[in-house]
N, C-alpha and C. Protein backbone atom coordinates (compact mmCIF):
# COMPACT_ATOMS: atom_id res chain seq x y z
N MET A 1 -37.52 -140.03 -73.89
CA MET A 1 -37.18 -141.42 -74.16
C MET A 1 -35.85 -141.45 -74.92
N ASP A 2 -34.89 -142.24 -74.42
CA ASP A 2 -33.60 -142.34 -75.10
C ASP A 2 -33.69 -143.33 -76.26
N GLU A 3 -32.62 -143.41 -77.06
CA GLU A 3 -32.62 -144.27 -78.25
C GLU A 3 -32.90 -145.72 -77.93
N ASN A 4 -32.34 -146.22 -76.82
CA ASN A 4 -32.54 -147.61 -76.43
C ASN A 4 -34.01 -147.88 -76.11
N GLU A 5 -34.63 -146.98 -75.35
CA GLU A 5 -36.04 -147.15 -75.01
C GLU A 5 -36.92 -147.04 -76.26
N GLU A 6 -36.56 -146.13 -77.14
CA GLU A 6 -37.29 -145.95 -78.39
C GLU A 6 -37.23 -147.22 -79.24
N GLY A 7 -36.03 -147.81 -79.30
CA GLY A 7 -35.85 -149.05 -80.06
C GLY A 7 -36.66 -150.19 -79.47
N GLU A 8 -36.70 -150.28 -78.13
CA GLU A 8 -37.49 -151.33 -77.48
C GLU A 8 -38.98 -151.13 -77.72
N ALA A 9 -39.42 -149.87 -77.70
CA ALA A 9 -40.83 -149.58 -77.96
C ALA A 9 -41.19 -149.97 -79.40
N THR A 10 -40.32 -149.67 -80.34
CA THR A 10 -40.56 -150.03 -81.73
C THR A 10 -40.61 -151.54 -81.89
N GLU A 11 -39.71 -152.25 -81.21
CA GLU A 11 -39.72 -153.72 -81.29
C GLU A 11 -41.02 -154.28 -80.74
N ARG A 12 -41.49 -153.75 -79.61
CA ARG A 12 -42.76 -154.21 -79.03
C ARG A 12 -43.93 -153.93 -79.98
N GLU A 13 -43.94 -152.74 -80.57
CA GLU A 13 -44.99 -152.40 -81.53
C GLU A 13 -44.93 -153.32 -82.75
N ASP A 14 -43.73 -153.57 -83.24
CA ASP A 14 -43.58 -154.46 -84.39
C ASP A 14 -44.12 -155.85 -84.09
N GLU A 15 -43.83 -156.37 -82.90
CA GLU A 15 -44.35 -157.68 -82.51
C GLU A 15 -45.88 -157.67 -82.45
N ARG A 16 -46.43 -156.61 -81.86
CA ARG A 16 -47.89 -156.51 -81.71
C ARG A 16 -48.57 -156.46 -83.07
N PHE A 17 -48.07 -155.61 -83.96
CA PHE A 17 -48.71 -155.47 -85.26
C PHE A 17 -48.45 -156.68 -86.16
N MET A 18 -47.31 -157.35 -85.98
CA MET A 18 -47.10 -158.59 -86.73
C MET A 18 -48.10 -159.65 -86.26
N GLY A 19 -48.48 -159.60 -85.00
CA GLY A 19 -49.53 -160.49 -84.49
C GLY A 19 -50.83 -160.30 -85.27
N ALA A 20 -51.15 -159.04 -85.59
CA ALA A 20 -52.36 -158.76 -86.38
C ALA A 20 -52.19 -159.29 -87.80
N ALA A 21 -50.99 -159.17 -88.37
CA ALA A 21 -50.72 -159.72 -89.70
C ALA A 21 -50.85 -161.25 -89.67
N LEU A 22 -50.40 -161.87 -88.60
CA LEU A 22 -50.54 -163.32 -88.45
C LEU A 22 -52.02 -163.72 -88.38
N ASP A 23 -52.84 -162.89 -87.71
CA ASP A 23 -54.28 -163.16 -87.68
C ASP A 23 -54.85 -163.15 -89.10
N GLU A 24 -54.39 -162.20 -89.91
CA GLU A 24 -54.83 -162.15 -91.31
C GLU A 24 -54.35 -163.39 -92.08
N ALA A 25 -53.12 -163.83 -91.81
CA ALA A 25 -52.60 -165.03 -92.48
C ALA A 25 -53.46 -166.25 -92.12
N ARG A 26 -53.91 -166.31 -90.89
CA ARG A 26 -54.79 -167.42 -90.47
C ARG A 26 -56.13 -167.35 -91.19
N ARG A 27 -56.60 -166.14 -91.49
CA ARG A 27 -57.84 -166.00 -92.27
C ARG A 27 -57.64 -166.57 -93.68
N ALA A 28 -56.47 -166.32 -94.25
CA ALA A 28 -56.16 -166.89 -95.56
C ALA A 28 -56.18 -168.42 -95.48
N LEU A 29 -55.59 -168.94 -94.44
CA LEU A 29 -55.55 -170.39 -94.23
C LEU A 29 -56.96 -170.98 -94.16
N GLN A 30 -57.87 -170.28 -93.50
CA GLN A 30 -59.25 -170.76 -93.37
C GLN A 30 -59.96 -170.87 -94.72
N ILE A 31 -59.53 -170.10 -95.71
CA ILE A 31 -60.17 -170.19 -97.04
C ILE A 31 -59.25 -170.90 -98.04
N ASP A 32 -58.30 -171.65 -97.50
CA ASP A 32 -57.39 -172.49 -98.29
C ASP A 32 -56.51 -171.68 -99.24
N GLU A 33 -56.11 -170.49 -98.79
CA GLU A 33 -55.16 -169.65 -99.51
C GLU A 33 -53.80 -169.79 -98.86
N VAL A 34 -52.74 -169.46 -99.60
CA VAL A 34 -51.40 -169.44 -99.02
C VAL A 34 -51.45 -168.46 -97.85
N PRO A 35 -51.05 -168.90 -96.65
CA PRO A 35 -51.24 -168.08 -95.45
C PRO A 35 -50.27 -166.90 -95.32
N VAL A 36 -50.56 -165.85 -96.08
CA VAL A 36 -49.83 -164.60 -95.97
C VAL A 36 -50.82 -163.55 -95.52
N GLY A 37 -50.44 -162.79 -94.51
CA GLY A 37 -51.29 -161.73 -94.00
C GLY A 37 -50.52 -160.43 -93.90
N ALA A 38 -51.24 -159.31 -93.95
CA ALA A 38 -50.60 -158.00 -93.88
C ALA A 38 -51.52 -156.99 -93.21
N VAL A 39 -50.91 -156.02 -92.56
CA VAL A 39 -51.63 -154.87 -92.04
C VAL A 39 -50.80 -153.62 -92.32
N VAL A 40 -51.49 -152.48 -92.43
CA VAL A 40 -50.83 -151.19 -92.56
C VAL A 40 -51.18 -150.38 -91.32
N VAL A 41 -50.15 -149.78 -90.73
CA VAL A 41 -50.32 -149.00 -89.51
C VAL A 41 -49.87 -147.56 -89.77
N VAL A 42 -50.70 -146.61 -89.38
CA VAL A 42 -50.35 -145.19 -89.43
C VAL A 42 -50.64 -144.60 -88.06
N ASP A 43 -49.67 -143.92 -87.49
CA ASP A 43 -49.81 -143.30 -86.17
C ASP A 43 -50.29 -144.27 -85.11
N GLY A 44 -49.76 -145.50 -85.15
CA GLY A 44 -50.07 -146.49 -84.13
C GLY A 44 -51.43 -147.14 -84.25
N VAL A 45 -52.12 -146.93 -85.38
CA VAL A 45 -53.45 -147.49 -85.58
C VAL A 45 -53.46 -148.31 -86.87
N ILE A 46 -54.05 -149.50 -86.81
CA ILE A 46 -54.20 -150.32 -88.02
C ILE A 46 -55.26 -149.66 -88.90
N VAL A 47 -54.86 -149.26 -90.11
CA VAL A 47 -55.77 -148.61 -91.05
C VAL A 47 -56.08 -149.48 -92.26
N GLY A 48 -55.37 -150.60 -92.41
CA GLY A 48 -55.61 -151.50 -93.52
C GLY A 48 -55.24 -152.93 -93.17
N ARG A 49 -56.04 -153.85 -93.65
CA ARG A 49 -55.81 -155.28 -93.42
C ARG A 49 -55.99 -156.04 -94.73
N GLY A 50 -55.26 -157.15 -94.85
CA GLY A 50 -55.43 -158.00 -96.02
C GLY A 50 -54.82 -159.36 -95.81
N HIS A 51 -55.35 -160.33 -96.50
CA HIS A 51 -54.78 -161.67 -96.54
C HIS A 51 -54.91 -162.17 -97.97
N ASN A 52 -54.06 -163.11 -98.32
CA ASN A 52 -54.05 -163.62 -99.69
C ASN A 52 -55.45 -164.06 -100.10
N ARG A 53 -55.82 -163.67 -101.33
CA ARG A 53 -57.11 -164.04 -101.92
C ARG A 53 -56.95 -164.33 -103.41
N THR A 54 -55.75 -164.70 -103.82
CA THR A 54 -55.51 -164.88 -105.26
C THR A 54 -56.39 -165.97 -105.86
N ARG A 55 -56.53 -167.07 -105.17
CA ARG A 55 -57.34 -168.17 -105.70
C ARG A 55 -58.82 -167.88 -105.51
N THR A 56 -59.18 -167.37 -104.35
CA THR A 56 -60.58 -167.06 -104.06
C THR A 56 -61.14 -166.06 -105.04
N ASP A 57 -60.38 -165.01 -105.35
CA ASP A 57 -60.84 -163.94 -106.24
C ASP A 57 -60.44 -164.15 -107.70
N THR A 58 -59.71 -165.25 -107.98
CA THR A 58 -59.17 -165.49 -109.32
C THR A 58 -58.46 -164.23 -109.81
N ASP A 59 -57.55 -163.74 -108.95
CA ASP A 59 -56.87 -162.47 -109.21
C ASP A 59 -55.43 -162.59 -108.76
N PRO A 60 -54.49 -162.64 -109.70
CA PRO A 60 -53.08 -162.80 -109.32
C PRO A 60 -52.51 -161.60 -108.55
N THR A 61 -53.25 -160.47 -108.54
CA THR A 61 -52.77 -159.30 -107.79
C THR A 61 -53.35 -159.23 -106.38
N ALA A 62 -54.17 -160.18 -106.00
CA ALA A 62 -54.83 -160.15 -104.69
C ALA A 62 -53.92 -160.68 -103.58
N HIS A 63 -52.71 -160.14 -103.53
CA HIS A 63 -51.77 -160.49 -102.46
C HIS A 63 -52.16 -159.73 -101.20
N ALA A 64 -51.82 -160.28 -100.07
CA ALA A 64 -52.16 -159.69 -98.77
C ALA A 64 -51.72 -158.23 -98.68
N GLU A 65 -50.50 -157.96 -99.12
CA GLU A 65 -49.95 -156.60 -98.97
C GLU A 65 -50.71 -155.59 -99.83
N VAL A 66 -51.02 -155.95 -101.07
CA VAL A 66 -51.76 -155.06 -101.96
C VAL A 66 -53.14 -154.80 -101.39
N LEU A 67 -53.81 -155.83 -100.90
CA LEU A 67 -55.14 -155.67 -100.33
C LEU A 67 -55.10 -154.79 -99.07
N ALA A 68 -54.07 -154.96 -98.25
CA ALA A 68 -53.94 -154.11 -97.04
C ALA A 68 -53.68 -152.66 -97.43
N ILE A 69 -52.85 -152.44 -98.45
CA ILE A 69 -52.58 -151.07 -98.91
C ILE A 69 -53.85 -150.44 -99.48
N ARG A 70 -54.60 -151.19 -100.28
CA ARG A 70 -55.86 -150.68 -100.82
C ARG A 70 -56.83 -150.30 -99.69
N ASP A 71 -56.94 -151.17 -98.71
CA ASP A 71 -57.82 -150.91 -97.56
C ASP A 71 -57.36 -149.66 -96.81
N ALA A 72 -56.06 -149.53 -96.62
CA ALA A 72 -55.51 -148.39 -95.88
C ALA A 72 -55.73 -147.08 -96.63
N THR A 73 -55.52 -147.07 -97.94
CA THR A 73 -55.71 -145.81 -98.68
C THR A 73 -57.18 -145.39 -98.67
N ARG A 74 -58.09 -146.36 -98.70
CA ARG A 74 -59.52 -146.01 -98.58
C ARG A 74 -59.81 -145.45 -97.20
N THR A 75 -59.21 -146.06 -96.16
CA THR A 75 -59.46 -145.61 -94.79
C THR A 75 -58.96 -144.19 -94.56
N VAL A 76 -57.74 -143.90 -95.02
CA VAL A 76 -57.18 -142.56 -94.77
C VAL A 76 -57.62 -141.55 -95.82
N GLY A 77 -58.21 -142.01 -96.92
CA GLY A 77 -58.69 -141.11 -97.96
C GLY A 77 -57.59 -140.45 -98.77
N ASP A 78 -56.48 -141.16 -98.91
CA ASP A 78 -55.35 -140.61 -99.67
C ASP A 78 -54.58 -141.78 -100.26
N GLN A 79 -54.03 -141.57 -101.45
CA GLN A 79 -53.22 -142.64 -102.07
C GLN A 79 -51.87 -142.78 -101.40
N ARG A 80 -51.48 -141.82 -100.60
CA ARG A 80 -50.19 -141.84 -99.90
C ARG A 80 -50.40 -142.26 -98.44
N LEU A 81 -49.51 -143.10 -97.98
CA LEU A 81 -49.54 -143.58 -96.59
C LEU A 81 -48.28 -143.12 -95.87
N ARG A 82 -47.98 -141.84 -95.98
CA ARG A 82 -46.77 -141.28 -95.38
C ARG A 82 -46.76 -141.55 -93.87
N GLY A 83 -45.60 -141.99 -93.41
CA GLY A 83 -45.47 -142.33 -91.99
C GLY A 83 -46.01 -143.71 -91.66
N GLY A 84 -46.52 -144.42 -92.67
CA GLY A 84 -47.11 -145.72 -92.44
C GLY A 84 -46.09 -146.85 -92.45
N THR A 85 -46.49 -147.95 -91.83
CA THR A 85 -45.68 -149.17 -91.82
C THR A 85 -46.52 -150.31 -92.37
N LEU A 86 -45.95 -151.05 -93.31
CA LEU A 86 -46.58 -152.25 -93.84
C LEU A 86 -45.97 -153.45 -93.13
N TYR A 87 -46.81 -154.24 -92.46
CA TYR A 87 -46.39 -155.47 -91.81
C TYR A 87 -46.89 -156.64 -92.64
N SER A 88 -45.99 -157.56 -93.00
CA SER A 88 -46.37 -158.74 -93.77
C SER A 88 -45.68 -159.97 -93.18
N THR A 89 -46.40 -161.06 -93.16
CA THR A 89 -45.83 -162.28 -92.59
C THR A 89 -44.71 -162.85 -93.45
N VAL A 90 -44.76 -162.54 -94.77
CA VAL A 90 -43.75 -163.02 -95.71
C VAL A 90 -43.20 -161.82 -96.49
N GLU A 91 -41.94 -161.88 -96.83
CA GLU A 91 -41.30 -160.81 -97.59
C GLU A 91 -42.12 -160.44 -98.83
N PRO A 92 -42.44 -159.16 -98.99
CA PRO A 92 -43.21 -158.74 -100.16
C PRO A 92 -42.48 -159.03 -101.47
N CYS A 93 -43.28 -159.36 -102.48
CA CYS A 93 -42.76 -159.59 -103.83
C CYS A 93 -42.52 -158.24 -104.51
N PHE A 94 -42.09 -158.26 -105.76
CA PHE A 94 -41.82 -157.03 -106.49
C PHE A 94 -43.08 -156.18 -106.64
N MET A 95 -44.21 -156.80 -106.93
CA MET A 95 -45.46 -156.06 -107.08
C MET A 95 -45.84 -155.37 -105.77
N CYS A 96 -45.77 -156.12 -104.67
CA CYS A 96 -46.19 -155.58 -103.38
C CYS A 96 -45.22 -154.52 -102.86
N ALA A 97 -43.93 -154.75 -103.05
CA ALA A 97 -42.94 -153.75 -102.64
C ALA A 97 -43.09 -152.50 -103.49
N GLY A 98 -43.42 -152.67 -104.78
CA GLY A 98 -43.67 -151.53 -105.65
C GLY A 98 -44.90 -150.75 -105.21
N ALA A 99 -45.95 -151.46 -104.83
CA ALA A 99 -47.17 -150.79 -104.34
C ALA A 99 -46.86 -150.00 -103.07
N ALA A 100 -46.05 -150.58 -102.18
CA ALA A 100 -45.66 -149.88 -100.95
C ALA A 100 -44.87 -148.62 -101.28
N SER A 101 -44.02 -148.69 -102.28
CA SER A 101 -43.25 -147.53 -102.70
C SER A 101 -44.17 -146.44 -103.27
N HIS A 102 -45.09 -146.85 -104.13
CA HIS A 102 -46.04 -145.88 -104.69
C HIS A 102 -46.88 -145.23 -103.60
N ALA A 103 -47.21 -145.98 -102.56
CA ALA A 103 -48.01 -145.46 -101.45
C ALA A 103 -47.17 -144.65 -100.46
N ARG A 104 -45.85 -144.62 -100.68
CA ARG A 104 -44.92 -143.88 -99.82
C ARG A 104 -44.90 -144.41 -98.38
N VAL A 105 -45.00 -145.75 -98.25
CA VAL A 105 -44.90 -146.38 -96.94
C VAL A 105 -43.50 -146.12 -96.39
N GLU A 106 -43.43 -145.73 -95.14
CA GLU A 106 -42.14 -145.39 -94.52
C GLU A 106 -41.31 -146.62 -94.16
N ARG A 107 -42.00 -147.67 -93.66
CA ARG A 107 -41.30 -148.88 -93.23
C ARG A 107 -42.03 -150.11 -93.75
N ILE A 108 -41.24 -151.16 -94.02
CA ILE A 108 -41.78 -152.48 -94.34
C ILE A 108 -41.17 -153.44 -93.34
N VAL A 109 -42.05 -154.16 -92.63
CA VAL A 109 -41.62 -155.13 -91.62
C VAL A 109 -42.19 -156.47 -92.03
N PHE A 110 -41.33 -157.49 -92.13
CA PHE A 110 -41.84 -158.81 -92.50
C PHE A 110 -41.24 -159.91 -91.64
N GLY A 111 -41.92 -161.06 -91.68
CA GLY A 111 -41.51 -162.20 -90.86
C GLY A 111 -40.43 -163.04 -91.47
N VAL A 112 -40.72 -163.67 -92.62
CA VAL A 112 -39.75 -164.58 -93.25
C VAL A 112 -39.50 -164.18 -94.69
N ARG A 113 -38.32 -164.51 -95.16
CA ARG A 113 -37.93 -164.23 -96.55
C ARG A 113 -38.65 -165.17 -97.51
N ASP A 114 -38.82 -164.69 -98.74
CA ASP A 114 -39.35 -165.49 -99.82
C ASP A 114 -38.25 -165.60 -100.88
N PRO A 115 -37.49 -166.70 -100.87
CA PRO A 115 -36.33 -166.81 -101.76
C PRO A 115 -36.67 -166.88 -103.24
N LYS A 116 -37.94 -167.11 -103.58
CA LYS A 116 -38.33 -167.22 -104.99
C LYS A 116 -38.88 -165.92 -105.57
N PHE A 117 -39.50 -165.07 -104.72
CA PHE A 117 -40.14 -163.85 -105.23
C PHE A 117 -39.83 -162.62 -104.39
N GLY A 118 -39.13 -162.76 -103.27
CA GLY A 118 -38.93 -161.65 -102.35
C GLY A 118 -38.18 -160.47 -102.95
N ALA A 119 -38.72 -159.26 -102.73
CA ALA A 119 -38.13 -158.05 -103.32
C ALA A 119 -37.65 -157.06 -102.27
N CYS A 120 -37.44 -157.55 -101.06
CA CYS A 120 -36.95 -156.68 -99.97
C CYS A 120 -35.65 -157.25 -99.40
N GLY A 121 -34.87 -157.87 -100.28
CA GLY A 121 -33.59 -158.42 -99.86
C GLY A 121 -33.24 -159.75 -100.50
N SER A 122 -34.24 -160.59 -100.79
CA SER A 122 -33.94 -161.91 -101.35
C SER A 122 -33.50 -161.86 -102.81
N LEU A 123 -34.37 -161.37 -103.69
CA LEU A 123 -34.05 -161.30 -105.12
C LEU A 123 -33.72 -159.89 -105.58
N GLY A 124 -34.08 -158.95 -104.79
CA GLY A 124 -33.86 -157.54 -105.12
C GLY A 124 -34.16 -156.69 -103.91
N ASP A 125 -33.99 -155.39 -104.09
CA ASP A 125 -34.23 -154.46 -102.99
C ASP A 125 -35.03 -153.27 -103.49
N VAL A 126 -36.30 -153.48 -103.76
CA VAL A 126 -37.16 -152.40 -104.24
C VAL A 126 -37.21 -151.24 -103.24
N PRO A 127 -37.41 -151.52 -101.93
CA PRO A 127 -37.53 -150.39 -100.99
C PRO A 127 -36.27 -149.53 -100.88
N GLY A 128 -35.12 -150.08 -101.21
CA GLY A 128 -33.88 -149.33 -101.10
C GLY A 128 -33.22 -149.02 -102.43
N HIS A 129 -33.92 -149.25 -103.52
CA HIS A 129 -33.32 -149.04 -104.84
C HIS A 129 -33.01 -147.57 -105.05
N PRO A 130 -31.77 -147.25 -105.42
CA PRO A 130 -31.38 -145.84 -105.56
C PRO A 130 -32.06 -145.12 -106.72
N GLY A 131 -32.63 -145.84 -107.66
CA GLY A 131 -33.29 -145.21 -108.79
C GLY A 131 -34.70 -144.74 -108.50
N LEU A 132 -35.26 -145.15 -107.38
CA LEU A 132 -36.62 -144.76 -107.05
C LEU A 132 -36.63 -143.44 -106.29
N ASN A 133 -37.75 -142.72 -106.38
CA ASN A 133 -37.84 -141.44 -105.68
C ASN A 133 -38.35 -141.58 -104.26
N HIS A 134 -38.57 -142.80 -103.79
CA HIS A 134 -38.99 -143.04 -102.41
C HIS A 134 -38.28 -144.29 -101.89
N ALA A 135 -37.80 -144.21 -100.68
CA ALA A 135 -37.17 -145.37 -100.03
C ALA A 135 -37.92 -145.70 -98.75
N SER A 136 -38.02 -146.97 -98.45
CA SER A 136 -38.63 -147.44 -97.21
C SER A 136 -37.59 -148.19 -96.41
N ALA A 137 -37.59 -147.99 -95.10
CA ALA A 137 -36.75 -148.79 -94.22
C ALA A 137 -37.35 -150.19 -94.16
N VAL A 138 -36.51 -151.21 -94.01
CA VAL A 138 -36.97 -152.60 -93.96
C VAL A 138 -36.46 -153.25 -92.71
N ARG A 139 -37.34 -153.99 -92.04
CA ARG A 139 -36.96 -154.83 -90.91
C ARG A 139 -37.50 -156.23 -91.17
N GLU A 140 -36.65 -157.21 -91.04
CA GLU A 140 -37.10 -158.60 -91.26
C GLU A 140 -36.91 -159.43 -90.01
N GLY A 141 -37.62 -160.54 -89.95
CA GLY A 141 -37.43 -161.50 -88.87
C GLY A 141 -38.36 -161.32 -87.68
N VAL A 142 -39.35 -160.45 -87.78
CA VAL A 142 -40.29 -160.24 -86.68
C VAL A 142 -41.28 -161.39 -86.65
N ALA A 143 -41.38 -162.07 -85.51
CA ALA A 143 -42.25 -163.24 -85.34
C ALA A 143 -41.97 -164.29 -86.41
N ALA A 144 -40.71 -164.41 -86.78
CA ALA A 144 -40.32 -165.29 -87.88
C ALA A 144 -40.76 -166.73 -87.67
N GLU A 145 -40.62 -167.24 -86.48
CA GLU A 145 -40.96 -168.65 -86.25
C GLU A 145 -42.44 -168.91 -86.47
N ALA A 146 -43.29 -168.01 -85.98
CA ALA A 146 -44.74 -168.18 -86.16
C ALA A 146 -45.10 -168.07 -87.64
N CYS A 147 -44.48 -167.13 -88.34
CA CYS A 147 -44.74 -166.97 -89.78
C CYS A 147 -44.28 -168.20 -90.55
N ARG A 148 -43.10 -168.70 -90.21
CA ARG A 148 -42.54 -169.89 -90.86
C ARG A 148 -43.43 -171.10 -90.61
N GLU A 149 -43.89 -171.27 -89.37
CA GLU A 149 -44.72 -172.43 -89.03
C GLU A 149 -46.00 -172.46 -89.85
N LEU A 150 -46.63 -171.31 -90.04
CA LEU A 150 -47.85 -171.26 -90.86
C LEU A 150 -47.58 -171.73 -92.28
N MET A 151 -46.51 -171.20 -92.88
CA MET A 151 -46.19 -171.56 -94.26
C MET A 151 -45.81 -173.04 -94.37
N VAL A 152 -44.94 -173.50 -93.52
CA VAL A 152 -44.49 -174.88 -93.57
C VAL A 152 -45.66 -175.83 -93.35
N GLY A 153 -46.49 -175.54 -92.35
CA GLY A 153 -47.65 -176.38 -92.07
C GLY A 153 -48.61 -176.46 -93.24
N PHE A 154 -48.86 -175.32 -93.87
CA PHE A 154 -49.77 -175.26 -95.02
C PHE A 154 -49.26 -176.15 -96.16
N PHE A 155 -47.99 -176.00 -96.51
CA PHE A 155 -47.47 -176.76 -97.65
C PHE A 155 -47.23 -178.22 -97.31
N ARG A 156 -46.93 -178.53 -96.09
CA ARG A 156 -46.84 -179.95 -95.72
C ARG A 156 -48.19 -180.61 -95.88
N SER A 157 -49.25 -179.93 -95.42
CA SER A 157 -50.58 -180.53 -95.54
C SER A 157 -50.99 -180.65 -97.00
N LYS A 158 -50.64 -179.68 -97.84
CA LYS A 158 -50.95 -179.76 -99.28
C LYS A 158 -50.23 -180.93 -99.93
N ARG A 159 -48.95 -181.09 -99.59
CA ARG A 159 -48.19 -182.21 -100.18
C ARG A 159 -48.72 -183.55 -99.69
N ALA A 160 -49.08 -183.62 -98.42
CA ALA A 160 -49.63 -184.87 -97.87
C ALA A 160 -50.96 -185.21 -98.54
N ALA A 161 -51.81 -184.20 -98.74
CA ALA A 161 -53.10 -184.43 -99.40
C ALA A 161 -52.89 -184.88 -100.84
N ALA A 162 -51.93 -184.30 -101.53
CA ALA A 162 -51.65 -184.68 -102.92
C ALA A 162 -51.15 -186.12 -102.98
N ARG A 163 -50.26 -186.47 -102.06
CA ARG A 163 -49.75 -187.85 -102.04
C ARG A 163 -50.87 -188.82 -101.73
N SER A 164 -51.72 -188.47 -100.82
CA SER A 164 -52.82 -189.33 -100.42
C SER A 164 -53.82 -189.51 -101.55
N ALA A 165 -54.14 -188.43 -102.25
CA ALA A 165 -55.14 -188.48 -103.31
C ALA A 165 -54.64 -189.17 -104.58
N THR A 166 -53.40 -188.95 -104.92
CA THR A 166 -52.91 -189.47 -106.20
C THR A 166 -51.80 -190.49 -106.07
N GLY A 167 -51.11 -190.43 -104.98
CA GLY A 167 -49.96 -191.30 -104.83
C GLY A 167 -48.74 -190.78 -105.57
N ILE A 168 -48.93 -189.73 -106.37
CA ILE A 168 -47.84 -189.15 -107.15
C ILE A 168 -47.82 -187.65 -106.91
N VAL A 169 -46.62 -187.13 -106.73
CA VAL A 169 -46.49 -185.69 -106.58
C VAL A 169 -45.53 -185.20 -107.64
N ASP A 170 -46.00 -184.32 -108.53
CA ASP A 170 -45.16 -183.73 -109.57
C ASP A 170 -44.63 -182.40 -109.05
N ARG A 171 -43.42 -182.39 -108.55
CA ARG A 171 -42.84 -181.18 -107.96
C ARG A 171 -42.46 -180.14 -108.99
N GLY A 172 -42.46 -180.48 -110.26
CA GLY A 172 -42.05 -179.51 -111.27
C GLY A 172 -43.21 -178.79 -111.93
N ALA A 173 -44.41 -179.34 -111.84
CA ALA A 173 -45.56 -178.75 -112.53
C ALA A 173 -45.92 -177.39 -111.96
N GLY A 174 -46.05 -176.44 -112.84
CA GLY A 174 -46.56 -175.13 -112.45
C GLY A 174 -45.58 -174.24 -111.71
N ARG A 175 -44.35 -174.62 -111.59
CA ARG A 175 -43.38 -173.77 -110.87
C ARG A 175 -43.34 -172.40 -111.50
N GLY A 176 -43.42 -171.42 -110.68
CA GLY A 176 -43.36 -170.04 -111.14
C GLY A 176 -44.69 -169.54 -111.67
N ALA A 177 -45.71 -170.39 -111.70
CA ALA A 177 -46.99 -169.99 -112.25
C ALA A 177 -47.74 -169.04 -111.32
N ASP A 178 -47.55 -169.18 -110.04
CA ASP A 178 -48.21 -168.27 -109.10
C ASP A 178 -47.43 -168.21 -107.80
N ARG A 179 -47.84 -167.32 -106.92
CA ARG A 179 -47.14 -167.13 -105.66
C ARG A 179 -47.22 -168.39 -104.79
N GLY A 180 -48.27 -169.18 -105.00
CA GLY A 180 -48.40 -170.43 -104.24
C GLY A 180 -47.23 -171.35 -104.52
N ALA A 181 -46.84 -171.45 -105.77
CA ALA A 181 -45.69 -172.28 -106.13
C ALA A 181 -44.43 -171.73 -105.50
N ALA A 182 -44.30 -170.41 -105.52
CA ALA A 182 -43.12 -169.78 -104.92
C ALA A 182 -43.10 -170.00 -103.42
N ALA A 183 -44.27 -169.84 -102.82
CA ALA A 183 -44.33 -170.02 -101.37
C ALA A 183 -44.07 -171.49 -101.01
N ASP A 184 -44.53 -172.43 -101.88
CA ASP A 184 -44.23 -173.83 -101.67
C ASP A 184 -42.74 -174.07 -101.67
N ALA A 185 -42.05 -173.45 -102.64
CA ALA A 185 -40.60 -173.58 -102.69
C ALA A 185 -39.96 -172.94 -101.48
N ALA A 186 -40.49 -171.78 -101.06
CA ALA A 186 -39.97 -171.09 -99.88
C ALA A 186 -40.18 -171.96 -98.64
N ALA A 187 -41.36 -172.55 -98.54
CA ALA A 187 -41.63 -173.42 -97.39
C ALA A 187 -40.70 -174.62 -97.42
N GLY A 188 -40.44 -175.15 -98.63
CA GLY A 188 -39.49 -176.26 -98.74
C GLY A 188 -38.11 -175.85 -98.28
N ALA A 189 -37.70 -174.64 -98.69
CA ALA A 189 -36.40 -174.12 -98.25
C ALA A 189 -36.38 -173.92 -96.75
N ILE A 190 -37.49 -173.43 -96.22
CA ILE A 190 -37.59 -173.23 -94.78
C ILE A 190 -37.51 -174.57 -94.06
N GLU A 191 -38.20 -175.59 -94.61
CA GLU A 191 -38.15 -176.91 -94.00
C GLU A 191 -36.72 -177.45 -94.00
N GLU A 192 -36.00 -177.21 -95.11
CA GLU A 192 -34.63 -177.69 -95.19
C GLU A 192 -33.72 -177.02 -94.17
N GLU A 193 -34.02 -175.73 -93.87
CA GLU A 193 -33.22 -175.02 -92.87
C GLU A 193 -33.50 -175.52 -91.47
N SER A 194 -34.75 -175.98 -91.23
CA SER A 194 -35.17 -176.37 -89.88
C SER A 194 -34.55 -177.68 -89.47
């Protein structure tokens, strides 16, 4: 297989596995969580899955990526996921990118940027930071439109429900308090771009 064919195969695999991450994001949506989903793939097999559960579990660390990494390390029986790829519908935050680094994930692939918390290019570059003893390759923009639609749709419905219930929307309350607020801002930014 030449480089061009190899690149096309990787793109097809990235699309397929991002589809699985999108399925996880839809699971988050079903339980009224910010729709972020993630999967970890090693040797072409999904070994870990996760979707946001921060509100459900009352746990600020229950991000999709961390849960997928935890699931993957249990599956492979090792804290290291060498050769693995983390797929996330939204750019991982500093915590999630740090967890991927600790797990020695080879690649991070995500759908859309998170301008408020993203640590794979938006606010910082954890996977490529020269001070770390492990670097991960990053690819962004895979299935971006589908990822963006989930986020935008979720926050539009939340804002509409808030307006309907109270007639007043306080856009400043709680900013930065959780990833939901950040994702709301990201969805707002995404809406502005659209």
